[in-house]
PDB file of N, CA and C in Angstrom:
ATOM      1  N   MET A   1       6.473  -1.716  -3.350  1.00  0.00           N
ATOM      2  CA  MET A   1       5.506  -1.871  -2.288  1.00  0.00           C
ATOM      3  C   MET A   1       5.583  -3.278  -1.695  1.00  0.00           C
ATOM      4  N   GLU A   2       5.838  -4.240  -2.552  1.00  0.00           N
ATOM      5  CA  GLU A   2       5.900  -5.623  -2.074  1.00  0.00           C
ATOM      6  C   GLU A   2       7.074  -5.815  -1.110  1.00  0.00           C
ATOM      7  N   LEU A   3       8.200  -5.150  -1.372  1.00  0.00           N
ATOM      8  CA  LEU A   3       9.361  -5.241  -0.490  1.00  0.00           C
ATOM      9  C   LEU A   3       9.027  -4.679   0.894  1.00  0.00           C
ATOM     10  N   LEU A   4       8.321  -3.589   0.913  1.00  0.00           N
ATOM     11  CA  LEU A   4       7.902  -2.995   2.183  1.00  0.00           C
ATOM     12  C   LEU A   4       6.972  -3.936   2.941  1.00  0.00           C
ATOM     13  N   ARG A   5       6.093  -4.585   2.233  1.00  0.00           N
ATOM     14  CA  ARG A   5       5.169  -5.544   2.860  1.00  0.00           C
ATOM     15  C   ARG A   5       5.940  -6.712   3.493  1.00  0.00           C
ATOM     16  N   ILE A   6       6.949  -7.201   2.794  1.00  0.00           N
ATOM     17  CA  ILE A   6       7.773  -8.301   3.313  1.00  0.00           C
ATOM     18  C   ILE A   6       8.521  -7.852   4.562  1.00  0.00           C
ATOM     19  N   LYS A   7       9.100  -6.644   4.523  1.00  0.00           N
ATOM     20  CA  LYS A   7       9.819  -6.113   5.682  1.00  0.00           C
ATOM     21  C   LYS A   7       8.889  -5.960   6.882  1.00  0.00           C
ATOM     22  N   LEU A   8       7.696  -5.502   6.632  1.00  0.00           N
ATOM     23  CA  LEU A   8       6.730  -5.323   7.711  1.00  0.00           C
ATOM     24  C   LEU A   8       6.338  -6.659   8.331  1.00  0.00           C
ATOM     25  N   HIS A   9       6.139  -7.667   7.523  1.00  0.00           N
ATOM     26  CA  HIS A   9       5.809  -8.997   8.041  1.00  0.00           C
ATOM     27  C   HIS A   9       6.949  -9.555   8.897  1.00  0.00           C
ATOM     28  N   ARG A  10       8.175  -9.347   8.437  1.00  0.00           N
ATOM     29  CA  ARG A  10       9.330  -9.811   9.215  1.00  0.00           C
ATOM     30  C   ARG A  10       9.401  -9.095  10.558  1.00  0.00           C
ATOM     31  N   LEU A  11       9.167  -7.800  10.542  1.00  0.00           N
ATOM     32  CA  LEU A  11       9.205  -7.023  11.778  1.00  0.00           C
ATOM     33  C   LEU A  11       8.121  -7.492  12.752  1.00  0.00           C
ATOM     34  N   ILE A  12       6.938  -7.742  12.257  1.00  0.00           N
ATOM     35  CA  ILE A  12       5.838  -8.214  13.097  1.00  0.00           C
ATOM     36  C   ILE A  12       6.191  -9.539  13.749  1.00  0.00           C
ATOM     37  N   GLU A  13       6.819 -10.426  12.996  1.00  0.00           N
ATOM     38  CA  GLU A  13       7.201 -11.731  13.533  1.00  0.00           C
ATOM     39  C   GLU A  13       8.220 -11.606  14.664  1.00  0.00           C
ATOM     40  N   GLU A  14       9.036 -10.548  14.640  1.00  0.00           N
ATOM     41  CA  GLU A  14      10.074 -10.369  15.650  1.00  0.00           C
ATOM     42  C   GLU A  14       9.570  -9.687  16.922  1.00  0.00           C
ATOM     43  N   LEU A  15       8.407  -9.072  16.874  1.00  0.00           N
ATOM     44  CA  LEU A  15       7.903  -8.335  18.033  1.00  0.00           C
ATOM     45  C   LEU A  15       7.376  -9.270  19.118  1.00  0.00           C
ATOM     46  N   GLN A  16       7.602  -8.871  20.353  1.00  0.00           N
ATOM     47  CA  GLN A  16       6.995  -9.564  21.486  1.00  0.00           C
ATOM     48  C   GLN A  16       5.512  -9.194  21.528  1.00  0.00           C
ATOM     49  N   GLU A  17       4.722  -9.952  22.275  1.00  0.00           N
ATOM     50  CA  GLU A  17       3.278  -9.722  22.334  1.00  0.00           C
ATOM     51  C   GLU A  17       2.951  -8.309  22.842  1.00  0.00           C
ATOM     52  N   GLU A  18       3.648  -7.865  23.894  1.00  0.00           N
ATOM     53  CA  GLU A  18       3.397  -6.524  24.429  1.00  0.00           C
ATOM     54  C   GLU A  18       3.750  -5.442  23.414  1.00  0.00           C
ATOM     55  N   GLU A  19       4.879  -5.624  22.720  1.00  0.00           N
ATOM     56  CA  GLU A  19       5.290  -4.660  21.705  1.00  0.00           C
ATOM     57  C   GLU A  19       4.282  -4.618  20.559  1.00  0.00           C
ATOM     58  N   LEU A  20       3.764  -5.776  20.222  1.00  0.00           N
ATOM     59  CA  LEU A  20       2.781  -5.861  19.152  1.00  0.00           C
ATOM     60  C   LEU A  20       1.496  -5.132  19.536  1.00  0.00           C
ATOM     61  N   GLU A  21       1.060  -5.287  20.787  1.00  0.00           N
ATOM     62  CA  GLU A  21      -0.135  -4.582  21.257  1.00  0.00           C
ATOM     63  C   GLU A  21       0.081  -3.072  21.257  1.00  0.00           C
ATOM     64  N   GLN A  22       1.257  -2.630  21.704  1.00  0.00           N
ATOM     65  CA  GLN A  22       1.555  -1.197  21.698  1.00  0.00           C
ATOM     66  C   GLN A  22       1.610  -0.662  20.269  1.00  0.00           C
ATOM     67  N   ALA A  23       2.216  -1.411  19.384  1.00  0.00           N
ATOM     68  CA  ALA A  23       2.290  -1.002  17.981  1.00  0.00           C
ATOM     69  C   ALA A  23       0.893  -0.911  17.380  1.00  0.00           C
ATOM     70  N   TRP A  24       0.044  -1.877  17.704  1.00  0.00           N
ATOM     71  CA  TRP A  24      -1.316  -1.867  17.182  1.00  0.00           C
ATOM     72  C   TRP A  24      -2.077  -0.633  17.655  1.00  0.00           C
ATOM     73  N   ASP A  25      -1.961  -0.310  18.950  1.00  0.00           N
ATOM     74  CA  ASP A  25      -2.642   0.867  19.479  1.00  0.00           C
ATOM     75  C   ASP A  25      -2.185   2.132  18.765  1.00  0.00           C
ATOM     76  N   LEU A  26      -0.895   2.242  18.549  1.00  0.00           N
ATOM     77  CA  LEU A  26      -0.345   3.407  17.875  1.00  0.00           C
ATOM     78  C   LEU A  26      -0.798   3.472  16.417  1.00  0.00           C
ATOM     79  N   ILE A  27      -0.670   2.368  15.713  1.00  0.00           N
ATOM     80  CA  ILE A  27      -1.033   2.346  14.292  1.00  0.00           C
ATOM     81  C   ILE A  27      -2.530   2.571  14.111  1.00  0.00           C
ATOM     82  N   TYR A  28      -3.349   1.989  14.974  1.00  0.00           N
ATOM     83  CA  TYR A  28      -4.794   2.179  14.842  1.00  0.00           C
ATOM     84  C   TYR A  28      -5.164   3.636  15.097  1.00  0.00           C
ATOM     85  N   GLY A  29      -4.518   4.258  16.077  1.00  0.00           N
ATOM     86  CA  GLY A  29      -4.754   5.682  16.344  1.00  0.00           C
ATOM     87  C   GLY A  29      -4.378   6.542  15.151  1.00  0.00           C
ATOM     88  N   LEU A  30      -3.236   6.256  14.549  1.00  0.00           N
ATOM     89  CA  LEU A  30      -2.821   6.988  13.352  1.00  0.00           C
ATOM     90  C   LEU A  30      -3.786   6.771  12.196  1.00  0.00           C
ATOM     91  N   HIS A  31      -4.260   5.550  12.063  1.00  0.00           N
ATOM     92  CA  HIS A  31      -5.231   5.236  11.008  1.00  0.00           C
ATOM     93  C   HIS A  31      -6.506   6.065  11.192  1.00  0.00           C
ATOM     94  N   CYS A  32      -7.002   6.126  12.414  1.00  0.00           N
ATOM     95  CA  CYS A  32      -8.215   6.905  12.691  1.00  0.00           C
ATOM     96  C   CYS A  32      -7.980   8.383  12.424  1.00  0.00           C
ATOM     97  N   ASP A  33      -6.814   8.898  12.831  1.00  0.00           N
ATOM     98  CA  ASP A  33      -6.482  10.301  12.567  1.00  0.00           C
ATOM     99  C   ASP A  33      -6.439  10.572  11.070  1.00  0.00           C
ATOM    100  N   PHE A  34      -5.866   9.654  10.316  1.00  0.00           N
ATOM    101  CA  PHE A  34      -5.770   9.814   8.873  1.00  0.00           C
ATOM    102  C   PHE A  34      -7.157   9.819   8.231  1.00  0.00           C
ATOM    103  N   GLU A  35      -8.017   8.915   8.677  1.00  0.00           N
ATOM    104  CA  GLU A  35      -9.390   8.879   8.155  1.00  0.00           C
ATOM    105  C   GLU A  35     -10.113  10.193   8.430  1.00  0.00           C
ATOM    106  N   MET A  36      -9.945  10.731   9.642  1.00  0.00           N
ATOM    107  CA  MET A  36     -10.594  11.991  10.008  1.00  0.00           C
ATOM    108  C   MET A  36     -10.035  13.134   9.177  1.00  0.00           C
ATOM    109  N   LEU A  37      -8.732  13.163   8.975  1.00  0.00           N
ATOM    110  CA  LEU A  37      -8.114  14.202   8.164  1.00  0.00           C
ATOM    111  C   LEU A  37      -8.629  14.163   6.730  1.00  0.00           C
ATOM    112  N   GLU A  38      -8.748  12.981   6.167  1.00  0.00           N
ATOM    113  CA  GLU A  38      -9.293  12.851   4.811  1.00  0.00           C
ATOM    114  C   GLU A  38     -10.724  13.358   4.738  1.00  0.00           C
ATOM    115  N   ALA A  39     -11.535  13.051   5.747  1.00  0.00           N
ATOM    116  CA  ALA A  39     -12.917  13.517   5.774  1.00  0.00           C
ATOM    117  C   ALA A  39     -12.979  15.039   5.866  1.00  0.00           C
ATOM    118  N   ILE A  40     -12.124  15.634   6.687  1.00  0.00           N
ATOM    119  CA  ILE A  40     -12.090  17.094   6.811  1.00  0.00           C
ATOM    120  C   ILE A  40     -11.675  17.734   5.491  1.00  0.00           C
ATOM    121  N   GLN A  41     -10.658  17.169   4.846  1.00  0.00           N
ATOM    122  CA  GLN A  41     -10.204  17.716   3.567  1.00  0.00           C
ATOM    123  C   GLN A  41     -11.283  17.600   2.492  1.00  0.00           C
ATOM    124  N   GLN A  42     -12.030  16.520   2.499  1.00  0.00           N
ATOM    125  CA  GLN A  42     -13.105  16.353   1.528  1.00  0.00           C
ATOM    126  C   GLN A  42     -14.181  17.403   1.743  1.00  0.00           C
ATOM    127  N   VAL A  43     -14.537  17.650   2.988  1.00  0.00           N
ATOM    128  CA  VAL A  43     -15.546  18.667   3.287  1.00  0.00           C
ATOM    129  C   VAL A  43     -15.052  20.039   2.846  1.00  0.00           C
ATOM    130  N   LYS A  44     -13.778  20.328   3.090  1.00  0.00           N
ATOM    131  CA  LYS A  44     -13.234  21.628   2.685  1.00  0.00           C
ATOM    132  C   LYS A  44     -13.288  21.805   1.178  1.00  0.00           C
ATOM    133  N   ARG A  45     -13.061  20.720   0.430  1.00  0.00           N
ATOM    134  CA  ARG A  45     -13.129  20.816  -1.036  1.00  0.00           C
ATOM    135  C   ARG A  45     -14.559  21.069  -1.510  1.00  0.00           C
ATOM    136  N   LEU A  46     -15.528  20.549  -0.797  1.00  0.00           N
ATOM    137  CA  LEU A  46     -16.927  20.677  -1.206  1.00  0.00           C
ATOM    138  C   LEU A  46     -17.600  21.923  -0.651  1.00  0.00           C
ATOM    139  N   GLN A  47     -16.958  22.566   0.309  1.00  0.00           N
ATOM    140  CA  GLN A  47     -17.564  23.689   1.007  1.00  0.00           C
ATOM    141  C   GLN A  47     -17.639  24.918   0.101  1.00  0.00           C
ATOM    142  N   GLN A  48     -18.745  25.598   0.181  1.00  0.00           N
ATOM    143  CA  GLN A  48     -18.958  26.832  -0.560  1.00  0.00           C
ATOM    144  C   GLN A  48     -18.782  28.012   0.399  1.00  0.00           C
ATOM    145  N   PRO A  49     -18.463  29.197  -0.118  1.00  0.00           N
ATOM    146  CA  PRO A  49     -18.247  30.340   0.774  1.00  0.00           C
ATOM    147  C   PRO A  49     -19.422  30.606   1.707  1.00  0.00           C
ATOM    148  N   TRP A  50     -20.625  30.440   1.228  1.00  0.00           N
ATOM    149  CA  TRP A  50     -21.785  30.739   2.054  1.00  0.00           C
ATOM    150  C   TRP A  50     -22.043  29.686   3.132  1.00  0.00           C
ATOM    151  N   ASP A  51     -21.343  28.564   3.061  1.00  0.00           N
ATOM    152  CA  ASP A  51     -21.487  27.536   4.088  1.00  0.00           C
ATOM    153  C   ASP A  51     -20.888  27.964   5.423  1.00  0.00           C
ATOM    154  N   THR A  52     -19.961  28.928   5.405  1.00  0.00           N
ATOM    155  CA  THR A  52     -19.262  29.299   6.624  1.00  0.00           C
ATOM    156  C   THR A  52     -19.560  30.722   7.082  1.00  0.00           C
ATOM    157  N   LEU A  53     -20.391  31.433   6.388  1.00  0.00           N
ATOM    158  CA  LEU A  53     -20.692  32.808   6.751  1.00  0.00           C
ATOM    159  C   LEU A  53     -21.737  32.877   7.861  1.00  0.00           C
ATOM    160  N   THR A  54     -21.583  33.882   8.719  1.00  0.00           N
ATOM    161  CA  THR A  54     -22.653  34.163   9.672  1.00  0.00           C
ATOM    162  C   THR A  54     -23.782  34.851   8.909  1.00  0.00           C
ATOM    163  N   HIS A  55     -24.899  35.037   9.560  1.00  0.00           N
ATOM    164  CA  HIS A  55     -26.040  35.684   8.907  1.00  0.00           C
ATOM    165  C   HIS A  55     -25.656  37.094   8.451  1.00  0.00           C
ATOM    166  N   ASP A  56     -25.007  37.847   9.339  1.00  0.00           N
ATOM    167  CA  ASP A  56     -24.614  39.228   8.989  1.00  0.00           C
ATOM    168  C   ASP A  56     -23.617  39.253   7.845  1.00  0.00           C
ATOM    169  N   GLU A  57     -22.678  38.329   7.845  1.00  0.00           N
ATOM    170  CA  GLU A  57     -21.707  38.276   6.752  1.00  0.00           C
ATOM    171  C   GLU A  57     -22.399  37.936   5.434  1.00  0.00           C
ATOM    172  N   ALA A  58     -23.354  37.036   5.494  1.00  0.00           N
ATOM    173  CA  ALA A  58     -24.075  36.663   4.275  1.00  0.00           C
ATOM    174  C   ALA A  58     -24.862  37.851   3.725  1.00  0.00           C
ATOM    175  N   VAL A  59     -25.508  38.592   4.607  1.00  0.00           N
ATOM    176  CA  VAL A  59     -26.271  39.768   4.161  1.00  0.00           C
ATOM    177  C   VAL A  59     -25.329  40.797   3.526  1.00  0.00           C
ATOM    178  N   ARG A  60     -24.189  41.056   4.171  1.00  0.00           N
ATOM    179  CA  ARG A  60     -23.212  42.013   3.591  1.00  0.00           C
ATOM    180  C   ARG A  60     -22.717  41.500   2.245  1.00  0.00           C
ATOM    181  N   TYR A  61     -22.486  40.207   2.137  1.00  0.00           N
ATOM    182  CA  TYR A  61     -22.022  39.626   0.883  1.00  0.00           C
ATOM    183  C   TYR A  61     -23.063  39.815  -0.220  1.00  0.00           C
ATOM    184  N   LEU A  62     -24.316  39.627   0.123  1.00  0.00           N
ATOM    185  CA  LEU A  62     -25.386  39.773  -0.881  1.00  0.00           C
ATOM    186  C   LEU A  62     -25.550  41.218  -1.302  1.00  0.00           C
ATOM    187  N   THR A  63     -25.367  42.143  -0.393  1.00  0.00           N
ATOM    188  CA  THR A  63     -25.546  43.566  -0.747  1.00  0.00           C
ATOM    189  C   THR A  63     -24.361  44.096  -1.546  1.00  0.00           C
ATOM    190  N   MET A  64     -23.205  43.456  -1.473  1.00  0.00           N
ATOM    191  CA  MET A  64     -22.045  43.885  -2.242  1.00  0.00           C
ATOM    192  C   MET A  64     -22.151  43.469  -3.700  1.00  0.00           C
ATOM    193  N   THR A  65     -22.872  42.418  -3.996  1.00  0.00           N
ATOM    194  CA  THR A  65     -22.923  41.925  -5.386  1.00  0.00           C
ATOM    195  C   THR A  65     -24.073  42.496  -6.157  1.00  0.00           C
TER     196      THR A  65
END
């Protein structure tokens, strides 16, 4: 991991200001997408079957058991 960090620092030093701004916009967007994906996955892990049923589906589910 440390080698990757060193390579990244070297790359940043070589970028022009405009390239650095474009890279930041892209990386920040990816970071936000990743955070949202993690939040969605966490909710899916915690979700129970009855959390997503409509009223009619829930009633049918209760009458089947």
